[in-house]
Amino acid sequence: MEIMDVLKEQVESNPILLYMKGSPNQPMCGFSARTVQAVMECGQKFAYVDVLSNPEVRANLPVFANWPTFPQLWVNGELVGGCDIITEMHEKGELKTLLEEAAPAE
């Protein structure tokens, strides 16, 4: 499968997906740490992809997303943004609402 197809499948099959450096339990940069903290505080389950251990994803996601940096939060197949946008949305209470609406019913 071509990497662009892999990326498309990942963002379409995960209602909440975070591309980050490291893992939620061990972020490998400050931007990823702040972003994952904001997402986790919203209380919804989410998928993640460690771009450091997936060099092909790291190289191609900026082209796929038309967004040059990491982390990247995708919700329902749409790019929401990176650290600054996610942090600001979290502070305003907008992120929690967005993620609650996107989370699959259990």
PDB file of N, CA and C in Angstrom:
ATOM      1  N   MET A   1       0.842  -1.182   0.000  1.00  0.00           N
ATOM      2  CA  MET A   1       0.000   0.000   0.000  1.00  0.00           C
ATOM      3  C   MET A   1       0.888   1.246   0.000  1.00  0.00           C
ATOM      4  N   GLU A   2       0.572   2.189  -0.861  1.00  0.00           N
ATOM      5  CA  GLU A   2       1.317   3.435  -0.922  1.00  0.00           C
ATOM      6  C   GLU A   2       1.146   4.208   0.384  1.00  0.00           C
ATOM      7  N   ILE A   3       2.165   4.970   0.770  1.00  0.00           N
ATOM      8  CA  ILE A   3       2.122   5.700   2.036  1.00  0.00           C
ATOM      9  C   ILE A   3       0.956   6.684   2.076  1.00  0.00           C
ATOM     10  N   MET A   4       0.648   7.339   0.976  1.00  0.00           N
ATOM     11  CA  MET A   4      -0.478   8.286   0.970  1.00  0.00           C
ATOM     12  C   MET A   4      -1.797   7.558   1.225  1.00  0.00           C
ATOM     13  N   ASP A   5      -1.916   6.332   0.715  1.00  0.00           N
ATOM     14  CA  ASP A   5      -3.110   5.524   0.977  1.00  0.00           C
ATOM     15  C   ASP A   5      -3.169   5.106   2.444  1.00  0.00           C
ATOM     16  N   VAL A   6      -2.012   4.794   3.008  1.00  0.00           N
ATOM     17  CA  VAL A   6      -1.935   4.434   4.421  1.00  0.00           C
ATOM     18  C   VAL A   6      -2.396   5.613   5.283  1.00  0.00           C
ATOM     19  N   LEU A   7      -1.886   6.809   4.987  1.00  0.00           N
ATOM     20  CA  LEU A   7      -2.272   7.994   5.747  1.00  0.00           C
ATOM     21  C   LEU A   7      -3.772   8.257   5.627  1.00  0.00           C
ATOM     22  N   LYS A   8      -4.292   8.161   4.414  1.00  0.00           N
ATOM     23  CA  LYS A   8      -5.726   8.374   4.185  1.00  0.00           C
ATOM     24  C   LYS A   8      -6.539   7.379   5.001  1.00  0.00           C
ATOM     25  N   GLU A   9      -6.125   6.128   4.994  1.00  0.00           N
ATOM     26  CA  GLU A   9      -6.839   5.083   5.753  1.00  0.00           C
ATOM     27  C   GLU A   9      -6.769   5.368   7.248  1.00  0.00           C
ATOM     28  N   GLN A  10      -5.608   5.802   7.736  1.00  0.00           N
ATOM     29  CA  GLN A  10      -5.460   6.101   9.165  1.00  0.00           C
ATOM     30  C   GLN A  10      -6.396   7.219   9.606  1.00  0.00           C
ATOM     31  N   VAL A  11      -6.412   8.326   8.870  1.00  0.00           N
ATOM     32  CA  VAL A  11      -7.239   9.460   9.297  1.00  0.00           C
ATOM     33  C   VAL A  11      -8.724   9.182   9.131  1.00  0.00           C
ATOM     34  N   GLU A  12      -9.080   8.338   8.154  1.00  0.00           N
ATOM     35  CA  GLU A  12     -10.493   8.033   7.939  1.00  0.00           C
ATOM     36  C   GLU A  12     -11.021   6.967   8.899  1.00  0.00           C
ATOM     37  N   SER A  13     -10.163   6.082   9.377  1.00  0.00           N
ATOM     38  CA  SER A  13     -10.648   4.985  10.219  1.00  0.00           C
ATOM     39  C   SER A  13     -10.531   5.262  11.718  1.00  0.00           C
ATOM     40  N   ASN A  14      -9.948   6.380  12.094  1.00  0.00           N
ATOM     41  CA  ASN A  14      -9.816   6.752  13.509  1.00  0.00           C
ATOM     42  C   ASN A  14     -10.509   8.086  13.735  1.00  0.00           C
ATOM     43  N   PRO A  15     -11.610   8.101  14.502  1.00  0.00           N
ATOM     44  CA  PRO A  15     -12.332   9.354  14.712  1.00  0.00           C
ATOM     45  C   PRO A  15     -11.457  10.445  15.327  1.00  0.00           C
ATOM     46  N   ILE A  16     -10.555  10.056  16.224  1.00  0.00           N
ATOM     47  CA  ILE A  16      -9.628  11.003  16.842  1.00  0.00           C
ATOM     48  C   ILE A  16      -8.230  10.411  16.707  1.00  0.00           C
ATOM     49  N   LEU A  17      -7.371  11.090  15.983  1.00  0.00           N
ATOM     50  CA  LEU A  17      -6.037  10.569  15.691  1.00  0.00           C
ATOM     51  C   LEU A  17      -5.004  11.670  15.895  1.00  0.00           C
ATOM     52  N   LEU A  18      -3.975  11.351  16.650  1.00  0.00           N
ATOM     53  CA  LEU A  18      -2.901  12.307  16.918  1.00  0.00           C
ATOM     54  C   LEU A  18      -1.594  11.757  16.346  1.00  0.00           C
ATOM     55  N   TYR A  19      -1.023  12.486  15.410  1.00  0.00           N
ATOM     56  CA  TYR A  19       0.329  12.199  14.932  1.00  0.00           C
ATOM     57  C   TYR A  19       1.254  13.004  15.826  1.00  0.00           C
ATOM     58  N   MET A  20       2.184  12.316  16.485  1.00  0.00           N
ATOM     59  CA  MET A  20       3.023  12.985  17.474  1.00  0.00           C
ATOM     60  C   MET A  20       4.413  12.378  17.500  1.00  0.00           C
ATOM     61  N   LYS A  21       5.308  13.044  18.204  1.00  0.00           N
ATOM     62  CA  LYS A  21       6.650  12.512  18.427  1.00  0.00           C
ATOM     63  C   LYS A  21       6.621  11.784  19.773  1.00  0.00           C
ATOM     64  N   GLY A  22       6.794  10.466  19.711  1.00  0.00           N
ATOM     65  CA  GLY A  22       6.730   9.642  20.905  1.00  0.00           C
ATOM     66  C   GLY A  22       5.347   9.048  21.080  1.00  0.00           C
ATOM     67  N   SER A  23       5.012   8.742  22.336  1.00  0.00           N
ATOM     68  CA  SER A  23       3.721   8.144  22.658  1.00  0.00           C
ATOM     69  C   SER A  23       3.035   9.005  23.720  1.00  0.00           C
ATOM     70  N   PRO A  24       1.737   8.809  23.929  1.00  0.00           N
ATOM     71  CA  PRO A  24       1.056   9.593  24.964  1.00  0.00           C
ATOM     72  C   PRO A  24       1.714   9.458  26.339  1.00  0.00           C
ATOM     73  N   ASN A  25       2.226   8.291  26.649  1.00  0.00           N
ATOM     74  CA  ASN A  25       2.877   8.081  27.945  1.00  0.00           C
ATOM     75  C   ASN A  25       4.316   8.577  27.966  1.00  0.00           C
ATOM     76  N   GLN A  26       4.897   8.769  26.792  1.00  0.00           N
ATOM     77  CA  GLN A  26       6.285   9.216  26.709  1.00  0.00           C
ATOM     78  C   GLN A  26       6.495  10.119  25.493  1.00  0.00           C
ATOM     79  N   PRO A  27       5.922  11.334  25.535  1.00  0.00           N
ATOM     80  CA  PRO A  27       6.126  12.249  24.411  1.00  0.00           C
ATOM     81  C   PRO A  27       7.598  12.627  24.294  1.00  0.00           C
ATOM     82  N   MET A  28       8.060  12.797  23.047  1.00  0.00           N
ATOM     83  CA  MET A  28       9.475  13.042  22.800  1.00  0.00           C
ATOM     84  C   MET A  28       9.783  14.486  22.410  1.00  0.00           C
ATOM     85  N   CYS A  29       8.810  15.385  22.563  1.00  0.00           N
ATOM     86  CA  CYS A  29       9.068  16.813  22.398  1.00  0.00           C
ATOM     87  C   CYS A  29       8.018  17.587  23.174  1.00  0.00           C
ATOM     88  N   GLY A  30       8.328  18.813  23.503  1.00  0.00           N
ATOM     89  CA  GLY A  30       7.428  19.630  24.302  1.00  0.00           C
ATOM     90  C   GLY A  30       6.098  19.903  23.625  1.00  0.00           C
ATOM     91  N   PHE A  31       6.117  20.096  22.307  1.00  0.00           N
ATOM     92  CA  PHE A  31       4.875  20.367  21.584  1.00  0.00           C
ATOM     93  C   PHE A  31       3.951  19.155  21.643  1.00  0.00           C
ATOM     94  N   SER A  32       4.520  17.966  21.441  1.00  0.00           N
ATOM     95  CA  SER A  32       3.718  16.750  21.537  1.00  0.00           C
ATOM     96  C   SER A  32       3.212  16.552  22.959  1.00  0.00           C
ATOM     97  N   ALA A  33       4.051  16.867  23.949  1.00  0.00           N
ATOM     98  CA  ALA A  33       3.649  16.705  25.353  1.00  0.00           C
ATOM     99  C   ALA A  33       2.456  17.602  25.680  1.00  0.00           C
ATOM    100  N   ARG A  34       2.510  18.861  25.265  1.00  0.00           N
ATOM    101  CA  ARG A  34       1.409  19.787  25.554  1.00  0.00           C
ATOM    102  C   ARG A  34       0.135  19.380  24.824  1.00  0.00           C
ATOM    103  N   THR A  35       0.293  18.950  23.587  1.00  0.00           N
ATOM    104  CA  THR A  35      -0.875  18.560  22.795  1.00  0.00           C
ATOM    105  C   THR A  35      -1.529  17.317  23.373  1.00  0.00           C
ATOM    106  N   VAL A  36      -0.744  16.298  23.671  1.00  0.00           N
ATOM    107  CA  VAL A  36      -1.324  15.056  24.182  1.00  0.00           C
ATOM    108  C   VAL A  36      -1.963  15.290  25.553  1.00  0.00           C
ATOM    109  N   GLN A  37      -1.393  16.167  26.356  1.00  0.00           N
ATOM    110  CA  GLN A  37      -1.987  16.485  27.657  1.00  0.00           C
ATOM    111  C   GLN A  37      -3.371  17.116  27.459  1.00  0.00           C
ATOM    112  N   ALA A  38      -3.479  18.053  26.542  1.00  0.00           N
ATOM    113  CA  ALA A  38      -4.768  18.702  26.267  1.00  0.00           C
ATOM    114  C   ALA A  38      -5.794  17.683  25.782  1.00  0.00           C
ATOM    115  N   VAL A  39      -5.381  16.807  24.874  1.00  0.00           N
ATOM    116  CA  VAL A  39      -6.300  15.796  24.336  1.00  0.00           C
ATOM    117  C   VAL A  39      -6.719  14.824  25.449  1.00  0.00           C
ATOM    118  N   MET A  40      -5.775  14.382  26.243  1.00  0.00           N
ATOM    119  CA  MET A  40      -6.083  13.425  27.316  1.00  0.00           C
ATOM    120  C   MET A  40      -7.019  14.035  28.359  1.00  0.00           C
ATOM    121  N   GLU A  41      -6.861  15.311  28.634  1.00  0.00           N
ATOM    122  CA  GLU A  41      -7.724  15.974  29.617  1.00  0.00           C
ATOM    123  C   GLU A  41      -9.177  16.049  29.160  1.00  0.00           C
ATOM    124  N   CYS A  42      -9.412  15.866  27.870  1.00  0.00           N
ATOM    125  CA  CYS A  42     -10.784  15.873  27.348  1.00  0.00           C
ATOM    126  C   CYS A  42     -11.505  14.554  27.605  1.00  0.00           C
ATOM    127  N   GLY A  43     -10.745  13.505  27.952  1.00  0.00           N
ATOM    128  CA  GLY A  43     -11.341  12.253  28.405  1.00  0.00           C
ATOM    129  C   GLY A  43     -11.819  11.285  27.348  1.00  0.00           C
ATOM    130  N   GLN A  44     -11.493  11.525  26.092  1.00  0.00           N
ATOM    131  CA  GLN A  44     -11.920  10.605  25.030  1.00  0.00           C
ATOM    132  C   GLN A  44     -10.762   9.709  24.598  1.00  0.00           C
ATOM    133  N   LYS A  45     -11.114   8.492  24.196  1.00  0.00           N
ATOM    134  CA  LYS A  45     -10.095   7.602  23.639  1.00  0.00           C
ATOM    135  C   LYS A  45      -9.660   8.157  22.287  1.00  0.00           C
ATOM    136  N   PHE A  46      -8.378   7.979  21.994  1.00  0.00           N
ATOM    137  CA  PHE A  46      -7.859   8.445  20.702  1.00  0.00           C
ATOM    138  C   PHE A  46      -6.737   7.522  20.264  1.00  0.00           C
ATOM    139  N   ALA A  47      -6.535   7.485  18.957  1.00  0.00           N
ATOM    140  CA  ALA A  47      -5.426   6.734  18.378  1.00  0.00           C
ATOM    141  C   ALA A  47      -4.259   7.695  18.202  1.00  0.00           C
ATOM    142  N   TYR A  48      -3.062   7.123  18.141  1.00  0.00           N
ATOM    143  CA  TYR A  48      -1.891   7.962  17.882  1.00  0.00           C
ATOM    144  C   TYR A  48      -0.921   7.209  16.996  1.00  0.00           C
ATOM    145  N   VAL A  49      -0.086   7.967  16.308  1.00  0.00           N
ATOM    146  CA  VAL A  49       0.999   7.420  15.502  1.00  0.00           C
ATOM    147  C   VAL A  49       2.261   8.170  15.897  1.00  0.00           C
ATOM    148  N   ASP A  50       3.292   7.413  16.278  1.00  0.00           N
ATOM    149  CA  ASP A  50       4.594   7.987  16.613  1.00  0.00           C
ATOM    150  C   ASP A  50       5.361   8.213  15.308  1.00  0.00           C
ATOM    151  N   VAL A  51       5.529   9.477  14.940  1.00  0.00           N
ATOM    152  CA  VAL A  51       6.212   9.776  13.674  1.00  0.00           C
ATOM    153  C   VAL A  51       7.704   9.512  13.743  1.00  0.00           C
ATOM    154  N   LEU A  52       8.259   9.440  14.945  1.00  0.00           N
ATOM    155  CA  LEU A  52       9.694   9.148  15.072  1.00  0.00           C
ATOM    156  C   LEU A  52       9.996   7.689  14.723  1.00  0.00           C
ATOM    157  N   SER A  53       9.085   6.797  15.054  1.00  0.00           N
ATOM    158  CA  SER A  53       9.315   5.387  14.732  1.00  0.00           C
ATOM    159  C   SER A  53       8.701   5.000  13.381  1.00  0.00           C
ATOM    160  N   ASN A  54       8.109   5.961  12.688  1.00  0.00           N
ATOM    161  CA  ASN A  54       7.532   5.743  11.362  1.00  0.00           C
ATOM    162  C   ASN A  54       8.061   6.808  10.404  1.00  0.00           C
ATOM    163  N   PRO A  55       9.329   6.661   9.954  1.00  0.00           N
ATOM    164  CA  PRO A  55       9.949   7.705   9.134  1.00  0.00           C
ATOM    165  C   PRO A  55       9.194   8.001   7.837  1.00  0.00           C
ATOM    166  N   GLU A  56       8.542   7.001   7.280  1.00  0.00           N
ATOM    167  CA  GLU A  56       7.793   7.237   6.038  1.00  0.00           C
ATOM    168  C   GLU A  56       6.580   8.135   6.308  1.00  0.00           C
ATOM    169  N   VAL A  57       5.923   7.916   7.444  1.00  0.00           N
ATOM    170  CA  VAL A  57       4.815   8.787   7.847  1.00  0.00           C
ATOM    171  C   VAL A  57       5.346  10.194   8.107  1.00  0.00           C
ATOM    172  N   ARG A  58       6.441  10.275   8.846  1.00  0.00           N
ATOM    173  CA  ARG A  58       7.023  11.586   9.179  1.00  0.00           C
ATOM    174  C   ARG A  58       7.388  12.361   7.922  1.00  0.00           C
ATOM    175  N   ALA A  59       7.899  11.688   6.919  1.00  0.00           N
ATOM    176  CA  ALA A  59       8.319  12.357   5.687  1.00  0.00           C
ATOM    177  C   ALA A  59       7.138  12.783   4.817  1.00  0.00           C
ATOM    178  N   ASN A  60       6.061  12.025   4.835  1.00  0.00           N
ATOM    179  CA  ASN A  60       4.967  12.252   3.891  1.00  0.00           C
ATOM    180  C   ASN A  60       3.735  12.939   4.469  1.00  0.00           C
ATOM    181  N   LEU A  61       3.531  12.862   5.783  1.00  0.00           N
ATOM    182  CA  LEU A  61       2.336  13.479   6.359  1.00  0.00           C
ATOM    183  C   LEU A  61       2.267  14.990   6.113  1.00  0.00           C
ATOM    184  N   PRO A  62       3.386  15.731   6.204  1.00  0.00           N
ATOM    185  CA  PRO A  62       3.279  17.172   5.916  1.00  0.00           C
ATOM    186  C   PRO A  62       2.753  17.466   4.505  1.00  0.00           C
ATOM    187  N   VAL A  63       3.076  16.618   3.536  1.00  0.00           N
ATOM    188  CA  VAL A  63       2.571  16.787   2.177  1.00  0.00           C
ATOM    189  C   VAL A  63       1.085  16.430   2.133  1.00  0.00           C
ATOM    190  N   PHE A  64       0.739  15.296   2.732  1.00  0.00           N
ATOM    191  CA  PHE A  64      -0.651  14.826   2.765  1.00  0.00           C
ATOM    192  C   PHE A  64      -1.554  15.866   3.428  1.00  0.00           C
ATOM    193  N   ALA A  65      -1.086  16.416   4.547  1.00  0.00           N
ATOM    194  CA  ALA A  65      -1.902  17.326   5.354  1.00  0.00           C
ATOM    195  C   ALA A  65      -1.798  18.781   4.907  1.00  0.00           C
ATOM    196  N   ASN A  66      -0.781  19.088   4.112  1.00  0.00           N
ATOM    197  CA  ASN A  66      -0.463  20.478   3.790  1.00  0.00           C
ATOM    198  C   ASN A  66      -0.238  21.269   5.084  1.00  0.00           C
ATOM    199  N   TRP A  67       0.461  20.626   6.017  1.00  0.00           N
ATOM    200  CA  TRP A  67       0.763  21.199   7.338  1.00  0.00           C
ATOM    201  C   TRP A  67       2.172  20.724   7.686  1.00  0.00           C
ATOM    202  N   PRO A  68       3.120  21.634   7.892  1.00  0.00           N
ATOM    203  CA  PRO A  68       4.531  21.239   7.945  1.00  0.00           C
ATOM    204  C   PRO A  68       5.034  20.638   9.254  1.00  0.00           C
ATOM    205  N   THR A  69       4.301  20.782  10.343  1.00  0.00           N
ATOM    206  CA  THR A  69       4.869  20.437  11.643  1.00  0.00           C
ATOM    207  C   THR A  69       4.092  19.334  12.356  1.00  0.00           C
ATOM    208  N   PHE A  70       4.704  18.834  13.419  1.00  0.00           N
ATOM    209  CA  PHE A  70       4.086  17.854  14.318  1.00  0.00           C
ATOM    210  C   PHE A  70       4.053  18.458  15.708  1.00  0.00           C
ATOM    211  N   PRO A  71       3.077  18.110  16.501  1.00  0.00           N
ATOM    212  CA  PRO A  71       2.019  17.125  16.285  1.00  0.00           C
ATOM    213  C   PRO A  71       0.909  17.654  15.366  1.00  0.00           C
ATOM    214  N   GLN A  72       0.065  16.712  14.937  1.00  0.00           N
ATOM    215  CA  GLN A  72      -1.121  17.033  14.148  1.00  0.00           C
ATOM    216  C   GLN A  72      -2.287  16.248  14.736  1.00  0.00           C
ATOM    217  N   LEU A  73      -3.371  16.948  15.052  1.00  0.00           N
ATOM    218  CA  LEU A  73      -4.584  16.292  15.533  1.00  0.00           C
ATOM    219  C   LEU A  73      -5.607  16.259  14.412  1.00  0.00           C
ATOM    220  N   TRP A  74      -6.103  15.051  14.138  1.00  0.00           N
ATOM    221  CA  TRP A  74      -7.130  14.844  13.117  1.00  0.00           C
ATOM    222  C   TRP A  74      -8.396  14.367  13.816  1.00  0.00           C
ATOM    223  N   VAL A  75      -9.518  14.958  13.454  1.00  0.00           N
ATOM    224  CA  VAL A  75     -10.810  14.567  14.020  1.00  0.00           C
ATOM    225  C   VAL A  75     -11.787  14.356  12.870  1.00  0.00           C
ATOM    226  N   ASN A  76     -12.354  13.158  12.832  1.00  0.00           N
ATOM    227  CA  ASN A  76     -13.293  12.785  11.763  1.00  0.00           C
ATOM    228  C   ASN A  76     -12.731  13.074  10.372  1.00  0.00           C
ATOM    229  N   GLY A  77     -11.461  12.706  10.175  1.00  0.00           N
ATOM    230  CA  GLY A  77     -10.842  12.831   8.865  1.00  0.00           C
ATOM    231  C   GLY A  77     -10.380  14.224   8.492  1.00  0.00           C
ATOM    232  N   GLU A  78     -10.521  15.187   9.397  1.00  0.00           N
ATOM    233  CA  GLU A  78     -10.135  16.571   9.122  1.00  0.00           C
ATOM    234  C   GLU A  78      -8.992  16.983  10.039  1.00  0.00           C
ATOM    235  N   LEU A  79      -8.017  17.668   9.491  1.00  0.00           N
ATOM    236  CA  LEU A  79      -6.929  18.208  10.297  1.00  0.00           C
ATOM    237  C   LEU A  79      -7.456  19.367  11.128  1.00  0.00           C
ATOM    238  N   VAL A  80      -7.286  19.275  12.451  1.00  0.00           N
ATOM    239  CA  VAL A  80      -7.694  20.355  13.350  1.00  0.00           C
ATOM    240  C   VAL A  80      -6.538  21.331  13.501  1.00  0.00           C
ATOM    241  N   GLY A  81      -5.331  20.817  13.714  1.00  0.00           N
ATOM    242  CA  GLY A  81      -4.178  21.687  13.818  1.00  0.00           C
ATOM    243  C   GLY A  81      -3.087  21.091  14.670  1.00  0.00           C
ATOM    244  N   GLY A  82      -2.125  21.955  15.016  1.00  0.00           N
ATOM    245  CA  GLY A  82      -0.974  21.553  15.808  1.00  0.00           C
ATOM    246  C   GLY A  82      -1.089  22.044  17.237  1.00  0.00           C
ATOM    247  N   CYS A  83       0.037  22.104  17.909  1.00  0.00           N
ATOM    248  CA  CYS A  83       0.096  22.391  19.335  1.00  0.00           C
ATOM    249  C   CYS A  83      -0.595  23.694  19.720  1.00  0.00           C
ATOM    250  N   ASP A  84      -0.265  24.792  19.054  1.00  0.00           N
ATOM    251  CA  ASP A  84      -0.829  26.091  19.442  1.00  0.00           C
ATOM    252  C   ASP A  84      -2.351  26.107  19.305  1.00  0.00           C
ATOM    253  N   ILE A  85      -2.849  25.595  18.203  1.00  0.00           N
ATOM    254  CA  ILE A  85      -4.290  25.574  17.961  1.00  0.00           C
ATOM    255  C   ILE A  85      -4.987  24.675  18.984  1.00  0.00           C
ATOM    256  N   ILE A  86      -4.438  23.487  19.220  1.00  0.00           N
ATOM    257  CA  ILE A  86      -5.049  22.540  20.157  1.00  0.00           C
ATOM    258  C   ILE A  86      -5.033  23.107  21.572  1.00  0.00           C
ATOM    259  N   THR A  87      -3.919  23.699  21.975  1.00  0.00           N
ATOM    260  CA  THR A  87      -3.810  24.290  23.313  1.00  0.00           C
ATOM    261  C   THR A  87      -4.834  25.410  23.485  1.00  0.00           C
ATOM    262  N   GLU A  88      -4.953  26.269  22.498  1.00  0.00           N
ATOM    263  CA  GLU A  88      -5.914  27.366  22.557  1.00  0.00           C
ATOM    264  C   GLU A  88      -7.351  26.840  22.610  1.00  0.00           C
ATOM    265  N   MET A  89      -7.671  25.858  21.775  1.00  0.00           N
ATOM    266  CA  MET A  89      -9.016  25.268  21.785  1.00  0.00           C
ATOM    267  C   MET A  89      -9.320  24.648  23.147  1.00  0.00           C
ATOM    268  N   HIS A  90      -8.317  23.987  23.745  1.00  0.00           N
ATOM    269  CA  HIS A  90      -8.502  23.353  25.052  1.00  0.00           C
ATOM    270  C   HIS A  90      -8.794  24.416  26.117  1.00  0.00           C
ATOM    271  N   GLU A  91      -8.042  25.502  26.093  1.00  0.00           N
ATOM    272  CA  GLU A  91      -8.235  26.569  27.076  1.00  0.00           C
ATOM    273  C   GLU A  91      -9.620  27.196  26.971  1.00  0.00           C
ATOM    274  N   LYS A  92     -10.168  27.256  25.760  1.00  0.00           N
ATOM    275  CA  LYS A  92     -11.496  27.842  25.539  1.00  0.00           C
ATOM    276  C   LYS A  92     -12.629  26.835  25.763  1.00  0.00           C
ATOM    277  N   GLY A  93     -12.284  25.552  25.960  1.00  0.00           N
ATOM    278  CA  GLY A  93     -13.313  24.523  26.126  1.00  0.00           C
ATOM    279  C   GLY A  93     -13.825  23.957  24.810  1.00  0.00           C
ATOM    280  N   GLU A  94     -13.291  24.436  23.691  1.00  0.00           N
ATOM    281  CA  GLU A  94     -13.760  23.990  22.374  1.00  0.00           C
ATOM    282  C   GLU A  94     -13.279  22.583  22.033  1.00  0.00           C
ATOM    283  N   LEU A  95     -12.084  22.227  22.505  1.00  0.00           N
ATOM    284  CA  LEU A  95     -11.522  20.922  22.168  1.00  0.00           C
ATOM    285  C   LEU A  95     -12.353  19.803  22.771  1.00  0.00           C
ATOM    286  N   LYS A  96     -12.746  19.944  24.022  1.00  0.00           N
ATOM    287  CA  LYS A  96     -13.545  18.919  24.701  1.00  0.00           C
ATOM    288  C   LYS A  96     -14.847  18.671  23.935  1.00  0.00           C
ATOM    289  N   THR A  97     -15.516  19.745  23.534  1.00  0.00           N
ATOM    290  CA  THR A  97     -16.762  19.620  22.778  1.00  0.00           C
ATOM    291  C   THR A  97     -16.523  18.892  21.459  1.00  0.00           C
ATOM    292  N   LEU A  98     -15.479  19.301  20.739  1.00  0.00           N
ATOM    293  CA  LEU A  98     -15.161  18.683  19.456  1.00  0.00           C
ATOM    294  C   LEU A  98     -14.898  17.188  19.616  1.00  0.00           C
ATOM    295  N   LEU A  99     -14.094  16.818  20.610  1.00  0.00           N
ATOM    296  CA  LEU A  99     -13.734  15.416  20.797  1.00  0.00           C
ATOM    297  C   LEU A  99     -14.911  14.592  21.311  1.00  0.00           C
ATOM    298  N   GLU A 100     -15.753  15.176  22.149  1.00  0.00           N
ATOM    299  CA  GLU A 100     -16.936  14.454  22.622  1.00  0.00           C
ATOM    300  C   GLU A 100     -17.864  14.142  21.464  1.00  0.00           C
ATOM    301  N   GLU A 101     -18.026  15.096  20.540  1.00  0.00           N
ATOM    302  CA  GLU A 101     -18.896  14.875  19.375  1.00  0.00           C
ATOM    303  C   GLU A 101     -18.306  13.827  18.427  1.00  0.00           C
ATOM    304  N   ALA A 102     -16.986  13.732  18.376  1.00  0.00           N
ATOM    305  CA  ALA A 102     -16.317  12.807  17.450  1.00  0.00           C
ATOM    306  C   ALA A 102     -16.190  11.401  18.006  1.00  0.00           C
ATOM    307  N   ALA A 103     -16.176  11.284  19.333  1.00  0.00           N
ATOM    308  CA  ALA A 103     -15.920   9.981  19.959  1.00  0.00           C
ATOM    309  C   ALA A 103     -17.053   9.008  19.649  1.00  0.00           C
ATOM    310  N   PRO A 104     -16.697   7.771  19.313  1.00  0.00           N
ATOM    311  CA  PRO A 104     -17.723   6.772  19.052  1.00  0.00           C
ATOM    312  C   PRO A 104     -18.477   6.445  20.352  1.00  0.00           C
ATOM    313  N   ALA A 105     -19.768   6.255  20.223  1.00  0.00           N
ATOM    314  CA  ALA A 105     -20.586   5.890  21.394  1.00  0.00           C
ATOM    315  C   ALA A 105     -20.177   4.506  21.888  1.00  0.00           C
ATOM    316  N   GLU A 106     -20.149   4.372  23.188  1.00  0.00           N
ATOM    317  CA  GLU A 106     -19.728   3.079  23.752  1.00  0.00           C
ATOM    318  C   GLU A 106     -20.908   2.331  24.314  1.00  0.00           C
TER     319      GLU A 106
END
